[in-house]
Protein backbone atom coordinates (compact mmCIF):
# COMPACT_ATOMS: atom_id res chain seq x y z
CA MET A 1 -85.07 14.50 -26.92
CA VAL A 2 -81.84 13.91 -25.06
CA VAL A 3 -78.42 12.31 -25.64
CA CYS A 4 -78.44 8.81 -23.69
CA LEU A 5 -75.00 7.76 -24.55
CA PRO A 6 -72.00 8.87 -22.41
CA SER A 7 -71.10 10.84 -25.47
CA ALA A 8 -72.35 10.82 -29.04
CA THR A 9 -70.55 11.52 -32.28
CA LEU A 10 -72.04 14.38 -34.40
CA TYR A 11 -71.05 13.65 -38.02
CA SER A 12 -71.22 15.90 -41.02
CA GLU A 13 -73.30 13.24 -43.07
CA PRO A 14 -75.49 10.35 -42.14
CA GLN A 15 -72.40 7.75 -42.36
CA LEU A 16 -70.08 6.64 -39.96
CA PHE A 17 -66.70 7.44 -41.82
CA SER A 18 -67.90 11.31 -42.15
CA GLU A 19 -66.24 13.94 -40.33
CA GLN A 20 -66.90 14.45 -36.68
CA THR A 21 -67.96 18.07 -36.09
CA ASP A 22 -68.73 17.71 -32.49
CA GLU A 23 -69.24 15.36 -29.53
CA MET A 24 -72.56 15.73 -27.61
CA LEU A 25 -72.69 14.62 -24.11
CA TYR A 26 -75.16 12.54 -21.97
CA GLY A 27 -77.99 14.79 -21.05
CA ASP A 28 -77.60 17.27 -23.93
CA GLU A 29 -80.81 18.26 -25.73
CA VAL A 30 -81.44 17.83 -29.01
CA GLU A 31 -84.30 18.48 -31.54
CA ILE A 32 -84.71 15.84 -34.35
CA LEU A 33 -84.88 17.54 -37.71
CA GLU A 34 -84.95 14.45 -40.06
CA GLU A 35 -84.18 10.75 -40.06
CA GLN A 36 -82.05 8.77 -42.60
CA GLY A 37 -80.89 5.14 -42.62
CA GLY A 38 -80.41 4.64 -39.01
CA PHE A 39 -79.01 8.26 -38.33
CA CYS A 40 -81.00 11.46 -37.52
CA ARG A 41 -79.91 15.07 -38.03
CA VAL A 42 -80.34 17.08 -34.98
CA ARG A 43 -79.91 20.51 -33.69
CA THR A 44 -78.41 20.88 -30.29
CA ASP A 45 -79.64 23.14 -27.50
CA TYR A 46 -76.46 25.21 -28.15
CA GLY A 47 -77.48 25.50 -31.79
CA TYR A 48 -75.15 23.23 -33.53
CA GLU A 49 -76.55 20.85 -36.20
CA GLY A 50 -75.35 17.41 -37.57
CA TRP A 51 -76.13 13.66 -37.78
CA CYS A 52 -75.97 11.30 -34.97
CA VAL A 53 -76.99 7.34 -34.74
CA ARG A 54 -80.76 7.20 -33.95
CA GLN A 55 -79.91 4.97 -30.85
CA ALA A 56 -77.88 7.99 -29.24
CA VAL A 57 -81.13 9.97 -28.14
CA PHE A 58 -83.92 9.26 -26.14
CA GLU A 59 -87.17 10.73 -25.18
CA LEU A 60 -86.52 13.62 -22.51
CA LEU A 61 -88.66 12.66 -19.35
CA HIS A 62 -87.72 15.98 -17.60
CA LYS A 63 -84.91 18.60 -17.61
CA PRO A 64 -81.83 17.11 -15.39
CA GLU A 65 -80.82 19.35 -12.71
CA TYR A 66 -76.93 18.13 -11.85
CA TYR A 67 -74.13 17.72 -13.85
CA ILE A 68 -70.87 15.67 -13.63
CA THR A 69 -67.97 17.82 -12.25
CA VAL A 70 -64.97 15.29 -12.74
CA PRO A 71 -63.26 14.08 -15.88
CA PHE A 72 -65.02 10.87 -15.79
CA ALA A 73 -67.69 9.60 -13.15
CA ASP A 74 -68.62 6.14 -12.80
CA LEU A 75 -72.20 4.94 -12.49
CA LEU A 76 -72.28 1.62 -10.21
CA PHE A 77 -74.72 -1.15 -10.14
CA GLU A 78 -74.42 -0.94 -6.33
CA GLY A 79 -73.36 1.41 -3.61
CA LYS A 80 -69.90 0.54 -2.29
CA ASN A 81 -69.22 -1.88 -5.12
CA TYR A 82 -66.39 -1.35 -7.07
CA TYR A 83 -65.87 -4.77 -8.37
CA HIS A 84 -67.98 -4.44 -11.49
CA ALA A 85 -67.28 -2.74 -14.82
CA PRO A 86 -68.89 0.63 -14.29
CA ILE A 87 -70.40 3.06 -17.02
CA SER A 88 -68.46 6.42 -17.14
CA LEU A 89 -70.17 9.77 -17.81
CA PRO A 90 -68.13 12.52 -18.83
CA MET A 91 -67.50 16.00 -17.37
CA GLY A 92 -70.49 18.36 -18.05
CA ALA A 93 -72.95 15.46 -18.64
CA ARG A 94 -76.34 16.14 -17.24
CA LEU A 95 -78.29 13.83 -15.13
CA ASP A 96 -81.21 13.37 -12.66
CA TYR A 97 -79.65 12.73 -9.09
CA GLY A 98 -81.00 12.11 -5.78
CA PRO A 99 -79.52 11.26 -2.21
CA GLY A 100 -79.20 7.70 -1.55
CA HIS A 101 -79.39 6.00 1.76
CA ASP A 102 -75.60 5.99 2.00
CA GLY A 103 -73.88 9.29 2.64
CA ARG A 104 -71.15 8.73 0.06
CA TYR A 105 -73.25 7.69 -2.86
CA GLY A 106 -76.51 9.24 -4.46
CA LEU A 107 -78.75 7.87 -7.17
CA ALA A 108 -78.44 8.64 -10.90
CA VAL A 109 -81.51 7.85 -13.10
CA LEU A 110 -80.81 7.52 -16.69
CA PRO A 111 -83.66 8.30 -19.45
CA SER A 112 -84.25 4.55 -19.74
CA LYS A 113 -85.39 4.80 -15.80
CA ARG A 114 -82.41 2.63 -14.99
CA ILE A 115 -81.03 3.71 -11.41
CA TYR A 116 -77.35 3.47 -10.63
CA PHE A 117 -75.18 4.76 -7.86
CA ILE A 118 -72.83 7.65 -8.25
CA HIS A 119 -70.36 9.31 -5.69
CA ARG A 120 -71.94 12.47 -4.51
CA ASN A 121 -68.73 14.25 -4.88
CA HIS A 122 -68.96 13.75 -8.61
CA VAL A 123 -71.98 15.81 -9.19
CA ALA A 124 -73.00 19.36 -8.79
CA PRO A 125 -76.45 21.03 -9.25
CA LEU A 126 -76.49 23.16 -12.57
CA SER A 127 -77.78 25.98 -10.43
CA ALA A 128 -74.51 26.27 -8.41
CA VAL A 129 -72.90 28.31 -11.14
CA LYS A 130 -75.43 31.11 -10.69
CA THR A 131 -74.34 31.94 -7.30
CA LEU A 132 -70.72 32.75 -8.37
CA THR A 133 -69.35 36.27 -8.24
CA ARG A 134 -67.77 37.35 -11.27
CA ALA A 135 -64.31 37.01 -9.97
CA GLU A 136 -65.21 33.38 -8.93
CA LEU A 137 -66.73 32.54 -12.44
CA ARG A 138 -63.49 33.64 -14.16
CA GLU A 139 -61.68 31.28 -11.82
CA SER A 140 -64.10 28.45 -12.37
CA VAL A 141 -63.71 28.80 -16.20
CA ALA A 142 -60.05 28.68 -16.01
CA ARG A 143 -60.15 25.70 -13.70
CA VAL A 144 -62.37 23.58 -16.00
CA ALA A 145 -59.93 24.40 -19.00
CA LEU A 146 -56.91 23.57 -16.98
CA SER A 147 -58.45 20.21 -15.80
CA TYR A 148 -57.88 19.15 -19.65
CA LEU A 149 -54.03 19.87 -19.36
CA GLY A 150 -52.31 16.83 -21.17
CA VAL A 151 -55.67 15.59 -22.90
CA GLN A 152 -54.94 14.53 -26.49
CA TYR A 153 -56.10 16.77 -29.32
CA ARG A 154 -59.32 15.34 -30.99
CA TRP A 155 -60.89 17.14 -34.13
CA GLY A 156 -64.63 17.70 -32.71
CA GLY A 157 -63.86 16.30 -29.19
CA ARG A 158 -65.26 17.30 -26.01
CA THR A 159 -64.09 15.07 -23.41
CA HIS A 160 -61.02 14.07 -21.33
CA ALA A 161 -60.44 11.35 -23.94
CA GLY A 162 -59.97 14.18 -26.61
CA VAL A 163 -60.75 17.60 -27.25
CA ASP A 164 -60.35 20.25 -29.94
CA CYS A 165 -59.57 24.03 -29.34
CA SER A 166 -63.06 25.44 -29.41
CA GLY A 167 -64.37 22.25 -27.58
CA LEU A 168 -62.11 23.00 -24.68
CA CYS A 169 -63.25 26.63 -24.43
CA PHE A 170 -66.80 25.81 -25.10
CA ASN A 171 -67.04 23.22 -22.33
CA ALA A 172 -65.06 25.71 -19.92
CA CYS A 173 -67.66 28.35 -20.39
CA ARG A 174 -70.84 26.00 -20.78
CA PHE A 175 -70.06 23.94 -17.70
CA ASN A 176 -70.24 27.33 -15.77
CA GLY A 177 -73.26 28.74 -17.34
CA VAL A 178 -71.57 30.84 -20.21
CA ASP A 179 -72.83 30.36 -23.66
CA ILE A 180 -70.55 30.58 -26.78
CA TRP A 181 -70.32 29.30 -30.12
CA ARG A 182 -69.23 25.82 -30.56
CA ASP A 183 -66.40 26.81 -33.32
CA ALA A 184 -63.70 29.09 -33.31
CA ASP A 185 -65.77 31.90 -35.02
CA VAL A 186 -65.76 35.32 -33.18
CA GLU A 187 -68.64 36.62 -34.97
CA LYS A 188 -70.90 33.72 -34.18
CA THR A 189 -70.68 34.34 -30.27
CA LYS A 190 -73.45 36.85 -29.95
CA ASN A 191 -72.79 38.12 -26.24
CA LEU A 192 -69.03 38.52 -26.89
CA LYS A 193 -67.58 41.92 -26.39
CA LYS A 194 -64.37 42.38 -28.49
CA ILE A 195 -61.47 43.67 -26.43
CA PRO A 196 -58.09 44.51 -26.87
CA LEU A 197 -55.46 42.03 -25.92
CA GLU A 198 -53.87 44.10 -23.10
CA GLU A 199 -57.46 44.35 -21.58
CA ALA A 200 -57.81 40.59 -21.45
CA GLN A 201 -58.45 38.95 -17.83
CA LYS A 202 -58.38 35.33 -16.68
CA GLY A 203 -61.46 33.48 -18.33
CA ASP A 204 -61.51 35.50 -21.78
CA LEU A 205 -61.36 34.15 -24.83
CA LEU A 206 -58.49 34.49 -27.53
CA PHE A 207 -59.22 34.10 -31.06
CA PHE A 208 -56.44 33.49 -33.69
CA GLU A 209 -56.49 32.33 -37.43
CA GLY A 210 -58.72 29.36 -37.26
CA HIS A 211 -57.94 28.75 -33.59
CA MET A 212 -59.08 29.80 -30.16
CA ALA A 213 -57.85 29.53 -26.51
CA LEU A 214 -58.67 30.59 -22.88
CA TYR A 215 -56.64 33.47 -21.49
CA LEU A 216 -55.09 32.63 -18.00
CA GLY A 217 -53.49 36.11 -17.20
CA GLU A 218 -50.15 37.38 -17.28
CA GLY A 219 -49.68 36.49 -20.97
CA LYS A 220 -50.25 32.90 -20.73
CA PHE A 221 -53.21 30.80 -22.17
CA VAL A 222 -54.43 27.30 -22.23
CA HIS A 223 -55.58 25.68 -25.69
CA ALA A 224 -55.93 22.36 -27.35
CA SER A 225 -52.82 22.42 -29.83
CA ALA A 226 -52.97 20.08 -32.98
CA SER A 227 -49.18 20.64 -33.52
CA ALA A 228 -48.40 19.89 -29.76
CA GLY A 229 -51.04 16.91 -30.07
CA LYS A 230 -52.69 17.86 -26.68
CA VAL A 231 -53.70 20.54 -24.37
CA ILE A 232 -51.08 22.62 -23.29
CA VAL A 233 -50.15 26.19 -21.64
CA SER A 234 -48.42 28.64 -23.98
CA GLU A 235 -47.22 32.14 -23.47
CA VAL A 236 -48.12 35.04 -25.86
CA ALA A 237 -44.46 36.27 -25.70
CA GLN A 238 -43.06 33.02 -26.86
CA CYS A 239 -45.38 32.31 -29.64
CA GLY A 240 -44.49 32.08 -33.24
CA GLU A 241 -45.90 33.93 -36.31
CA LEU A 242 -49.28 32.19 -36.30
CA PHE A 243 -50.21 33.09 -32.77
CA ASN A 244 -48.92 36.59 -33.06
CA ARG A 245 -51.61 37.39 -35.70
CA PHE A 246 -54.19 38.00 -33.10
CA ILE A 247 -57.89 38.38 -34.48
CA THR A 248 -59.15 39.69 -31.19
CA ALA A 249 -59.73 38.89 -27.51
CA GLY A 250 -63.04 38.42 -26.34
CA ASP A 251 -65.08 38.94 -23.01
CA VAL A 252 -68.20 36.96 -22.18
CA ILE A 253 -68.10 37.18 -18.54
CA ARG A 254 -69.27 40.61 -17.89
C-alpha cells in the first residue's frame, strides 16, 4: 500500500484527537497491520508504526522513481495554467513522473491513475543521490535541512508546514538516501557510528537529551527548536546547560 494524500498524520491511537507521532508523505509505502473503525494500523517502509485514516492509503501500482525537491510542488490540471487551485505535494513526496509535450512541464501520475502536470524543475529521480560523492552528500543533507529554516515547530511534523527535531534530521537524511530512525533515539539508528563531538563534520547528527540536530560545521547546527517555535541555527558555544549535555554525535555518512 502507499500513502495517497499529500501528507497523512500517523496517530498513536485510532482516533483523530490522539497524539500525532509522525507525518507520512505522499508515496511512502506502508503495510496495513489491522483495521478498526475507519482507521488502519500501519508499518511504514522506515519501520515506524501507528494509526492513520483508511482513506490515506491506496494500492501501490508500482514503485515511484521520482521525488519532490522543493518545499511544495503544485500539480496542475493543465500545463501552463496557473489559474486553478492546485494540489500541492511536499518535499520528499514520491511519485511517478514522465516528460510531457512541453519542455517546462512533465506528467505526474497518482495512484488513482489521475494525471496532472508538474514543473520539471520540481522533481528529481530517486537514483540521483546515488551518484553523489561523500562530500557532495554531506552538502546535500545540510542543504535540505537548511531549507526548513523558519518553518514552525510541529510535534510529529515532516513538512515545510511544520516539522519537529527528529523529522527535520530524518527528512534531510532520507531525501538523500540515508536511513536513520525517525525519533531522537541514538540507539535505534543501526548504521550510526558514534563519534566525539570534535570529530563531527557537516551532515553528522547531534543527539542531546530528548532532542537531535544536524551539524553544519564550525560549531553550528540546525534544529527544530520547540522553545524557539521554529527551525533555527544555533552555536554549540552559545548553548545553555541542556544543549551542553551532549549524549553523542553520530556519523551516518561513511
